[in-house]
Amino acid sequence: MEIEQLVPQLRTTNLDRAIHFYTKKLGFALAFRYRGFYAGVSSGTRMIHLKLVDELDPGIDFVRRGQHLHLHVEVQDIHAAFQQVQDADIKIVEGISDRPWGMTEFVIEDPDGHTIYFGSVAADNGGR
């Protein structure tokens, strides 16, 4: 089996708010919206799907805890990405730091509590 693309699906309790966060604050484009409960946002060829859940959906507890999925987004310029996040007034969970595994990373949280890690290969790592 050869996987051509892997698309994470994030659950949200407010689809409009999630679309706004990913498009207006993180710079994704709205790729599609389906019947008011499902949408896709993209950056280049990378995509995230957003699914609206309500109190009856068994996934609601995961949304409340934000623990069912973490995203890791690799960027070329970690400092420019961090500045964009600061300028957009996004909740920062962890500031920029060099990690022992050779990445420089920071962590944010979206309005539904999903943690999103941004990283780039540390300057002194010279690649992985």
N, C-alpha and C. Protein backbone atom coordinates (compact mmCIF):
# COMPACT_ATOMS: atom_id res chain seq x y z
N MET A 1 0.85 -1.18 0.00
CA MET A 1 0.00 0.00 0.00
C MET A 1 0.89 1.24 0.00
N GLU A 2 0.56 2.17 -0.85
CA GLU A 2 1.28 3.44 -0.90
C GLU A 2 0.30 4.55 -0.53
N ILE A 3 0.59 5.27 0.52
CA ILE A 3 -0.28 6.35 0.97
C ILE A 3 0.12 7.63 0.25
N GLU A 4 -0.84 8.24 -0.41
CA GLU A 4 -0.57 9.47 -1.15
C GLU A 4 -0.69 10.71 -0.28
N GLN A 5 -1.60 10.67 0.68
CA GLN A 5 -1.78 11.83 1.55
C GLN A 5 -2.46 11.38 2.82
N LEU A 6 -2.13 12.00 3.92
CA LEU A 6 -2.75 11.73 5.20
C LEU A 6 -3.37 13.03 5.68
N VAL A 7 -4.69 13.02 5.92
CA VAL A 7 -5.40 14.25 6.27
C VAL A 7 -5.98 14.10 7.68
N PRO A 8 -5.51 14.88 8.63
CA PRO A 8 -6.10 14.82 9.97
C PRO A 8 -7.48 15.47 9.98
N GLN A 9 -8.36 14.92 10.81
CA GLN A 9 -9.70 15.48 11.00
C GLN A 9 -9.80 15.95 12.45
N LEU A 10 -10.03 17.24 12.62
CA LEU A 10 -10.19 17.80 13.96
C LEU A 10 -11.66 18.03 14.22
N ARG A 11 -12.10 17.67 15.40
CA ARG A 11 -13.49 17.90 15.79
C ARG A 11 -13.58 19.28 16.43
N THR A 12 -14.71 19.94 16.17
CA THR A 12 -14.93 21.28 16.71
C THR A 12 -16.37 21.44 17.15
N THR A 13 -16.60 22.26 18.15
CA THR A 13 -17.96 22.56 18.59
C THR A 13 -18.50 23.80 17.89
N ASN A 14 -17.67 24.47 17.09
CA ASN A 14 -18.10 25.68 16.37
C ASN A 14 -17.31 25.75 15.06
N LEU A 15 -17.94 25.30 13.98
CA LEU A 15 -17.24 25.21 12.70
C LEU A 15 -16.79 26.58 12.18
N ASP A 16 -17.64 27.59 12.30
CA ASP A 16 -17.26 28.92 11.83
C ASP A 16 -16.04 29.45 12.58
N ARG A 17 -16.01 29.24 13.89
CA ARG A 17 -14.87 29.69 14.70
C ARG A 17 -13.60 28.95 14.28
N ALA A 18 -13.71 27.65 14.04
CA ALA A 18 -12.54 26.86 13.63
C ALA A 18 -12.03 27.31 12.27
N ILE A 19 -12.94 27.52 11.32
CA ILE A 19 -12.54 28.00 9.99
C ILE A 19 -11.85 29.35 10.11
N HIS A 20 -12.42 30.23 10.91
CA HIS A 20 -11.82 31.56 11.11
C HIS A 20 -10.41 31.43 11.68
N PHE A 21 -10.23 30.59 12.68
CA PHE A 21 -8.92 30.41 13.32
C PHE A 21 -7.88 29.95 12.30
N TYR A 22 -8.20 28.90 11.57
CA TYR A 22 -7.21 28.33 10.64
C TYR A 22 -6.97 29.21 9.42
N THR A 23 -8.00 29.93 8.95
CA THR A 23 -7.81 30.77 7.76
C THR A 23 -7.28 32.16 8.12
N LYS A 24 -7.89 32.82 9.06
CA LYS A 24 -7.52 34.21 9.36
C LYS A 24 -6.30 34.32 10.27
N LYS A 25 -6.12 33.38 11.18
CA LYS A 25 -5.01 33.48 12.12
C LYS A 25 -3.77 32.70 11.69
N LEU A 26 -3.99 31.52 11.07
CA LEU A 26 -2.84 30.71 10.66
C LEU A 26 -2.56 30.76 9.17
N GLY A 27 -3.42 31.39 8.39
CA GLY A 27 -3.13 31.60 6.97
C GLY A 27 -3.51 30.46 6.04
N PHE A 28 -4.29 29.49 6.51
CA PHE A 28 -4.79 28.45 5.62
C PHE A 28 -5.85 29.04 4.71
N ALA A 29 -6.19 28.33 3.64
CA ALA A 29 -7.29 28.73 2.74
C ALA A 29 -8.44 27.75 2.94
N LEU A 30 -9.66 28.25 2.83
CA LEU A 30 -10.82 27.37 2.90
C LEU A 30 -10.89 26.58 1.60
N ALA A 31 -10.71 25.27 1.67
CA ALA A 31 -10.71 24.42 0.48
C ALA A 31 -12.12 24.00 0.10
N PHE A 32 -12.94 23.69 1.11
CA PHE A 32 -14.33 23.32 0.85
C PHE A 32 -15.13 23.41 2.14
N ARG A 33 -16.43 23.46 1.99
CA ARG A 33 -17.36 23.41 3.12
C ARG A 33 -18.53 22.56 2.68
N TYR A 34 -18.96 21.61 3.52
CA TYR A 34 -20.01 20.69 3.16
C TYR A 34 -21.14 20.73 4.19
N ARG A 35 -22.30 21.16 3.76
CA ARG A 35 -23.55 21.12 4.54
C ARG A 35 -23.44 21.65 5.96
N GLY A 36 -22.59 22.57 6.21
CA GLY A 36 -22.55 23.22 7.51
C GLY A 36 -21.95 22.43 8.65
N PHE A 37 -21.49 21.20 8.39
CA PHE A 37 -20.90 20.43 9.48
C PHE A 37 -19.50 19.90 9.17
N TYR A 38 -19.01 20.18 7.99
CA TYR A 38 -17.70 19.64 7.61
C TYR A 38 -17.00 20.63 6.69
N ALA A 39 -15.70 20.77 6.89
CA ALA A 39 -14.94 21.70 6.04
C ALA A 39 -13.50 21.23 5.94
N GLY A 40 -12.82 21.75 4.95
CA GLY A 40 -11.39 21.49 4.79
C GLY A 40 -10.66 22.80 4.60
N VAL A 41 -9.52 22.92 5.26
CA VAL A 41 -8.66 24.09 5.07
C VAL A 41 -7.32 23.57 4.58
N SER A 42 -6.66 24.38 3.74
CA SER A 42 -5.42 23.89 3.15
C SER A 42 -4.34 24.97 3.15
N SER A 43 -3.11 24.48 3.11
CA SER A 43 -1.94 25.32 2.93
C SER A 43 -1.07 24.59 1.92
N GLY A 44 -1.03 25.11 0.70
CA GLY A 44 -0.36 24.38 -0.37
C GLY A 44 -1.08 23.07 -0.62
N THR A 45 -0.36 21.96 -0.58
CA THR A 45 -0.98 20.65 -0.78
C THR A 45 -1.35 19.98 0.53
N ARG A 46 -1.15 20.65 1.64
CA ARG A 46 -1.46 20.08 2.96
C ARG A 46 -2.86 20.50 3.38
N MET A 47 -3.60 19.58 3.99
CA MET A 47 -4.98 19.87 4.33
C MET A 47 -5.31 19.37 5.73
N ILE A 48 -6.25 20.07 6.37
CA ILE A 48 -6.85 19.65 7.64
C ILE A 48 -8.35 19.66 7.42
N HIS A 49 -9.04 18.61 7.87
CA HIS A 49 -10.50 18.59 7.82
C HIS A 49 -11.03 18.97 9.20
N LEU A 50 -12.15 19.67 9.21
CA LEU A 50 -12.80 20.12 10.44
C LEU A 50 -14.21 19.56 10.47
N LYS A 51 -14.58 18.88 11.55
CA LYS A 51 -15.91 18.27 11.67
C LYS A 51 -16.63 18.84 12.88
N LEU A 52 -17.83 19.34 12.65
CA LEU A 52 -18.66 19.87 13.72
C LEU A 52 -19.26 18.72 14.52
N VAL A 53 -19.13 18.78 15.84
CA VAL A 53 -19.76 17.81 16.73
C VAL A 53 -20.63 18.56 17.71
N ASP A 54 -21.62 17.87 18.26
CA ASP A 54 -22.49 18.50 19.26
C ASP A 54 -22.52 17.64 20.51
N GLU A 55 -23.36 18.01 21.44
CA GLU A 55 -23.41 17.33 22.73
C GLU A 55 -23.78 15.85 22.62
N LEU A 56 -24.43 15.45 21.52
CA LEU A 56 -24.83 14.05 21.35
C LEU A 56 -23.74 13.21 20.70
N ASP A 57 -22.74 13.83 20.15
CA ASP A 57 -21.67 13.12 19.45
C ASP A 57 -20.72 12.51 20.48
N PRO A 58 -20.39 11.22 20.34
CA PRO A 58 -19.46 10.61 21.30
C PRO A 58 -18.08 11.24 21.29
N GLY A 59 -17.74 11.98 20.25
CA GLY A 59 -16.44 12.64 20.19
C GLY A 59 -16.36 13.92 21.01
N ILE A 60 -17.49 14.37 21.58
CA ILE A 60 -17.51 15.65 22.28
C ILE A 60 -16.55 15.67 23.48
N ASP A 61 -16.41 14.56 24.19
CA ASP A 61 -15.50 14.54 25.33
C ASP A 61 -14.05 14.74 24.89
N PHE A 62 -13.70 14.19 23.74
CA PHE A 62 -12.35 14.40 23.21
C PHE A 62 -12.14 15.86 22.85
N VAL A 63 -13.16 16.50 22.30
CA VAL A 63 -13.06 17.91 21.95
C VAL A 63 -12.85 18.73 23.21
N ARG A 64 -13.60 18.43 24.24
CA ARG A 64 -13.47 19.18 25.49
C ARG A 64 -12.07 19.07 26.06
N ARG A 65 -11.47 17.91 25.94
CA ARG A 65 -10.13 17.70 26.51
C ARG A 65 -9.03 18.06 25.53
N GLY A 66 -9.34 18.10 24.23
CA GLY A 66 -8.31 18.40 23.23
C GLY A 66 -7.20 17.37 23.20
N GLN A 67 -7.52 16.14 23.63
CA GLN A 67 -6.47 15.14 23.80
C GLN A 67 -6.45 14.07 22.71
N HIS A 68 -7.36 14.12 21.79
CA HIS A 68 -7.44 13.02 20.83
C HIS A 68 -6.47 13.15 19.68
N LEU A 69 -5.89 14.30 19.49
CA LEU A 69 -4.98 14.48 18.37
C LEU A 69 -4.11 15.70 18.60
N HIS A 70 -2.85 15.57 18.25
CA HIS A 70 -1.95 16.71 18.26
C HIS A 70 -1.38 16.83 16.85
N LEU A 71 -1.25 18.02 16.36
CA LEU A 71 -0.67 18.24 15.04
C LEU A 71 0.76 18.74 15.18
N HIS A 72 1.60 18.36 14.23
CA HIS A 72 2.95 18.90 14.16
C HIS A 72 3.12 19.48 12.77
N VAL A 73 3.40 20.77 12.70
CA VAL A 73 3.54 21.48 11.44
C VAL A 73 4.99 21.91 11.28
N GLU A 74 5.64 21.41 10.24
CA GLU A 74 7.02 21.82 9.99
C GLU A 74 7.03 23.05 9.11
N VAL A 75 7.82 24.04 9.51
CA VAL A 75 7.95 25.29 8.77
C VAL A 75 9.43 25.56 8.51
N GLN A 76 9.71 26.38 7.51
CA GLN A 76 11.11 26.71 7.21
C GLN A 76 11.67 27.72 8.19
N ASP A 77 10.85 28.71 8.57
CA ASP A 77 11.32 29.79 9.44
C ASP A 77 10.49 29.80 10.72
N ILE A 78 10.99 29.14 11.74
CA ILE A 78 10.26 29.01 13.00
C ILE A 78 10.02 30.36 13.66
N HIS A 79 10.96 31.28 13.52
CA HIS A 79 10.82 32.58 14.16
C HIS A 79 9.75 33.43 13.47
N ALA A 80 9.66 33.35 12.15
CA ALA A 80 8.60 34.05 11.43
C ALA A 80 7.24 33.46 11.77
N ALA A 81 7.16 32.14 11.90
CA ALA A 81 5.90 31.49 12.27
C ALA A 81 5.48 31.91 13.67
N PHE A 82 6.44 31.97 14.59
CA PHE A 82 6.13 32.38 15.96
C PHE A 82 5.64 33.83 15.99
N GLN A 83 6.26 34.68 15.21
CA GLN A 83 5.83 36.08 15.14
C GLN A 83 4.40 36.18 14.60
N GLN A 84 4.07 35.38 13.57
CA GLN A 84 2.71 35.37 13.02
C GLN A 84 1.70 34.96 14.08
N VAL A 85 2.04 33.95 14.87
CA VAL A 85 1.16 33.49 15.95
C VAL A 85 0.98 34.58 17.00
N GLN A 86 2.07 35.24 17.37
CA GLN A 86 1.97 36.33 18.35
C GLN A 86 1.12 37.47 17.81
N ASP A 87 1.34 37.84 16.56
CA ASP A 87 0.58 38.94 15.95
C ASP A 87 -0.91 38.62 15.86
N ALA A 88 -1.25 37.34 15.72
CA ALA A 88 -2.65 36.92 15.61
C ALA A 88 -3.29 36.70 16.98
N ASP A 89 -2.54 36.93 18.06
CA ASP A 89 -3.05 36.79 19.42
C ASP A 89 -3.59 35.38 19.69
N ILE A 90 -2.82 34.39 19.26
CA ILE A 90 -3.17 32.99 19.46
C ILE A 90 -2.57 32.53 20.79
N LYS A 91 -3.28 31.65 21.50
CA LYS A 91 -2.80 31.14 22.78
C LYS A 91 -1.54 30.30 22.57
N ILE A 92 -0.46 30.72 23.19
CA ILE A 92 0.82 30.01 23.12
C ILE A 92 0.94 29.14 24.36
N VAL A 93 1.11 27.84 24.16
CA VAL A 93 1.25 26.89 25.26
C VAL A 93 2.70 26.79 25.70
N GLU A 94 3.62 26.75 24.72
CA GLU A 94 5.06 26.73 25.00
C GLU A 94 5.75 27.63 23.99
N GLY A 95 6.67 28.45 24.46
CA GLY A 95 7.43 29.32 23.58
C GLY A 95 8.47 28.54 22.79
N ILE A 96 9.22 29.24 21.97
CA ILE A 96 10.24 28.60 21.14
C ILE A 96 11.34 28.01 22.02
N SER A 97 11.69 26.76 21.71
CA SER A 97 12.82 26.14 22.40
C SER A 97 13.45 25.08 21.50
N ASP A 98 14.74 24.86 21.71
CA ASP A 98 15.45 23.80 21.00
C ASP A 98 15.20 22.49 21.73
N ARG A 99 14.83 21.48 20.98
CA ARG A 99 14.52 20.17 21.57
C ARG A 99 15.72 19.23 21.40
N PRO A 100 15.83 18.24 22.28
CA PRO A 100 16.96 17.31 22.19
C PRO A 100 16.95 16.47 20.91
N TRP A 101 15.82 16.38 20.24
CA TRP A 101 15.72 15.56 19.01
C TRP A 101 16.04 16.37 17.75
N GLY A 102 16.62 17.57 17.91
CA GLY A 102 17.12 18.32 16.77
C GLY A 102 16.13 19.26 16.11
N MET A 103 15.04 19.56 16.79
CA MET A 103 14.05 20.49 16.26
C MET A 103 13.99 21.72 17.16
N THR A 104 13.63 22.85 16.57
CA THR A 104 13.27 24.04 17.32
C THR A 104 11.76 24.14 17.18
N GLU A 105 11.05 24.22 18.31
CA GLU A 105 9.59 24.12 18.28
C GLU A 105 8.92 25.13 19.21
N PHE A 106 7.63 25.37 18.94
CA PHE A 106 6.74 26.04 19.88
C PHE A 106 5.38 25.38 19.75
N VAL A 107 4.52 25.60 20.75
CA VAL A 107 3.22 24.93 20.79
C VAL A 107 2.13 25.96 21.02
N ILE A 108 1.04 25.83 20.24
CA ILE A 108 -0.13 26.70 20.41
C ILE A 108 -1.35 25.83 20.68
N GLU A 109 -2.46 26.50 20.96
CA GLU A 109 -3.73 25.81 21.17
C GLU A 109 -4.79 26.48 20.33
N ASP A 110 -5.61 25.67 19.64
CA ASP A 110 -6.70 26.25 18.86
C ASP A 110 -7.92 26.46 19.76
N PRO A 111 -9.00 27.08 19.27
CA PRO A 111 -10.14 27.38 20.13
C PRO A 111 -10.83 26.15 20.73
N ASP A 112 -10.61 24.96 20.16
CA ASP A 112 -11.20 23.74 20.70
C ASP A 112 -10.23 22.96 21.58
N GLY A 113 -9.08 23.52 21.87
CA GLY A 113 -8.13 22.88 22.77
C GLY A 113 -7.14 21.94 22.11
N HIS A 114 -7.14 21.84 20.77
CA HIS A 114 -6.15 21.01 20.09
C HIS A 114 -4.78 21.68 20.19
N THR A 115 -3.78 20.90 20.53
CA THR A 115 -2.44 21.45 20.56
C THR A 115 -1.78 21.27 19.20
N ILE A 116 -1.13 22.32 18.75
CA ILE A 116 -0.46 22.32 17.45
C ILE A 116 0.99 22.69 17.68
N TYR A 117 1.86 21.78 17.34
CA TYR A 117 3.30 21.98 17.46
C TYR A 117 3.83 22.52 16.14
N PHE A 118 4.61 23.59 16.18
CA PHE A 118 5.28 24.11 15.00
C PHE A 118 6.76 23.86 15.21
N GLY A 119 7.44 23.41 14.17
CA GLY A 119 8.85 23.11 14.32
C GLY A 119 9.63 23.27 13.04
N SER A 120 10.92 23.45 13.21
CA SER A 120 11.86 23.43 12.08
C SER A 120 13.14 22.77 12.59
N VAL A 121 13.89 22.24 11.65
CA VAL A 121 15.15 21.60 12.02
C VAL A 121 16.04 22.65 12.67
N ALA A 122 16.55 22.34 13.85
CA ALA A 122 17.39 23.29 14.59
C ALA A 122 18.60 23.67 13.76
N ALA A 123 18.98 24.94 13.84
CA ALA A 123 20.09 25.47 13.04
C ALA A 123 21.38 24.67 13.24
N ASP A 124 21.62 24.22 14.45
CA ASP A 124 22.87 23.48 14.72
C ASP A 124 22.75 21.99 14.43
N ASN A 125 21.57 21.56 13.95
CA ASN A 125 21.35 20.14 13.67
C ASN A 125 21.81 19.76 12.27
N GLY A 126 21.76 20.71 11.34
CA GLY A 126 22.23 20.46 9.98
C GLY A 126 21.40 19.46 9.21
N GLY A 127 20.17 19.25 9.59
CA GLY A 127 19.31 18.28 8.91
C GLY A 127 19.14 17.04 9.74
N ARG A 128 18.17 16.24 9.32
CA ARG A 128 17.89 15.03 10.10
C ARG A 128 18.37 13.80 9.39
